[in-house]
Amino acid sequence: MERIGIQAASPAEQPFHVSLQAGKLGSCEMNPDVLSVRVAQNVLRANVPEMWNSVSVFCEEEPSGALVIRVLVFNPDWDGALQIAELRSWPKDRSNLTPLGCNLDHVGP
């Protein structure tokens, strides 16, 4: 897997940067303040095909200034979402020596 680092034009002004590649449909890039991405896939439930939201990524800036990305997975057999990752950075806190905190604990409903 290739490691990709994306450098925004002005990181202090844009907390998140998204680059989307969609094959023949094209691509786009965005610099949102708050971001929510949902990926659905076709599943067969009770012999009926439906699109199921399988993965969601939520990005936000907390009141403390920390930037947080949460990754959640969903399964039609579960009562709720399962958070599988939380990534946290503190770009405004120069005293923090951790550039990126990564919590892979699974957090359920």
Protein backbone atom coordinates (compact mmCIF):
# COMPACT_ATOMS: atom_id res chain seq x y z
CA MET A 1 0.00 0.00 0.00
CA GLU A 2 1.36 3.39 -1.00
CA ARG A 3 1.78 6.01 1.72
CA ILE A 4 0.31 9.31 0.60
CA GLY A 5 0.76 12.68 2.26
CA ILE A 6 -1.32 15.55 0.97
CA GLN A 7 -0.08 19.10 1.46
CA ALA A 8 -2.83 21.73 1.34
CA ALA A 9 -1.98 25.21 0.09
CA SER A 10 -2.66 26.66 3.53
CA PRO A 11 -2.90 23.94 6.22
CA ALA A 12 -3.71 26.44 8.97
CA GLU A 13 -6.87 27.51 7.13
CA GLN A 14 -8.04 24.09 5.87
CA PRO A 15 -8.27 21.37 8.51
CA PHE A 16 -8.99 18.54 6.02
CA HIS A 17 -8.21 17.78 2.38
CA VAL A 18 -9.99 15.12 0.31
CA SER A 19 -8.94 13.66 -3.01
CA LEU A 20 -11.48 11.36 -4.65
CA GLN A 21 -10.74 9.07 -7.59
CA ALA A 22 -13.82 7.44 -9.16
CA GLY A 23 -12.42 5.67 -12.20
CA LYS A 24 -14.16 6.65 -15.42
CA LEU A 25 -16.52 8.95 -13.51
CA GLY A 26 -13.66 11.31 -12.74
CA SER A 27 -12.10 12.81 -9.67
CA CYS A 28 -12.39 15.81 -7.39
CA GLU A 29 -10.54 17.54 -4.57
CA MET A 30 -12.02 19.47 -1.67
CA ASN A 31 -10.87 21.37 1.41
CA PRO A 32 -13.84 21.14 3.79
CA ASP A 33 -14.05 22.29 7.40
CA VAL A 34 -16.32 19.36 8.30
CA LEU A 35 -16.47 16.18 6.26
CA SER A 36 -18.68 13.10 6.12
CA VAL A 37 -18.09 10.34 3.56
CA ARG A 38 -20.33 7.30 3.25
CA VAL A 39 -19.59 4.26 1.11
CA ALA A 40 -22.47 1.93 0.31
CA GLN A 41 -22.36 -1.42 -1.38
CA ASN A 42 -24.96 -3.71 -2.86
CA VAL A 43 -26.06 -6.49 -0.48
CA LEU A 44 -28.71 -9.18 -0.71
CA ARG A 45 -31.06 -9.28 2.31
CA ALA A 46 -34.09 -11.60 2.40
CA ASN A 47 -33.53 -12.20 -1.32
CA VAL A 48 -33.90 -8.47 -2.03
CA PRO A 49 -30.91 -6.42 -3.29
CA GLU A 50 -30.31 -3.11 -1.53
CA MET A 51 -27.58 -0.54 -1.10
CA TRP A 52 -26.12 -0.73 2.40
CA ASN A 53 -24.00 2.00 3.99
CA SER A 54 -21.00 -0.14 4.97
CA VAL A 55 -18.36 2.45 5.91
CA SER A 56 -18.55 6.05 7.04
CA VAL A 57 -15.75 8.51 7.74
CA PHE A 58 -16.52 11.58 9.85
CA CYS A 59 -14.06 14.46 10.20
CA GLU A 60 -14.43 17.48 12.44
CA GLU A 61 -12.57 20.03 14.50
CA GLU A 62 -13.34 19.79 18.21
CA PRO A 63 -13.79 22.91 20.39
CA SER A 64 -10.30 22.22 21.82
CA GLY A 65 -8.82 22.65 18.31
CA ALA A 66 -8.06 18.94 17.88
CA LEU A 67 -8.85 17.52 14.43
CA VAL A 68 -10.58 14.15 14.61
CA ILE A 69 -11.30 11.52 11.97
CA ARG A 70 -13.55 8.61 12.94
CA VAL A 71 -14.06 5.48 10.81
CA LEU A 72 -17.26 3.50 11.39
CA VAL A 73 -18.45 0.24 9.85
CA PHE A 74 -22.06 -0.93 9.60
CA ASN A 75 -23.55 -4.38 9.12
CA PRO A 76 -27.24 -5.12 8.59
CA ASP A 77 -27.01 -7.83 11.28
CA TRP A 78 -25.74 -5.37 13.94
CA ASP A 79 -27.77 -3.06 16.20
CA GLY A 80 -25.53 -0.09 15.45
CA ALA A 81 -22.25 1.14 14.06
CA LEU A 82 -18.82 -0.06 15.16
CA GLN A 83 -16.09 2.58 15.33
CA ILE A 84 -12.88 0.90 14.19
CA ALA A 85 -10.50 3.86 14.18
CA GLU A 86 -10.06 7.36 15.55
CA LEU A 87 -7.23 9.54 14.25
CA ARG A 88 -6.47 12.78 16.09
CA SER A 89 -4.08 15.67 15.48
CA TRP A 90 -3.41 18.92 17.31
CA PRO A 91 -2.11 21.37 14.69
CA LYS A 92 -2.63 24.46 16.88
CA ASP A 93 -0.90 23.02 19.97
CA ARG A 94 2.84 23.53 19.52
CA SER A 95 3.55 21.89 22.90
CA ASN A 96 2.05 18.57 21.77
CA LEU A 97 4.82 16.23 20.62
CA THR A 98 2.47 13.67 19.03
CA PRO A 99 1.85 14.59 15.37
CA LEU A 100 -0.93 12.02 14.89
CA GLY A 101 -2.69 9.95 17.54
CA CYS A 102 -4.17 6.67 16.33
CA ASN A 103 -6.71 4.73 18.38
CA LEU A 104 -7.73 1.38 16.85
CA ASP A 105 -9.90 0.25 19.76
CA HIS A 106 -13.29 -0.93 18.55
CA VAL A 107 -16.14 1.08 20.07
CA GLY A 108 -19.65 -0.28 19.67
CA PRO A 109 -23.12 1.01 20.41
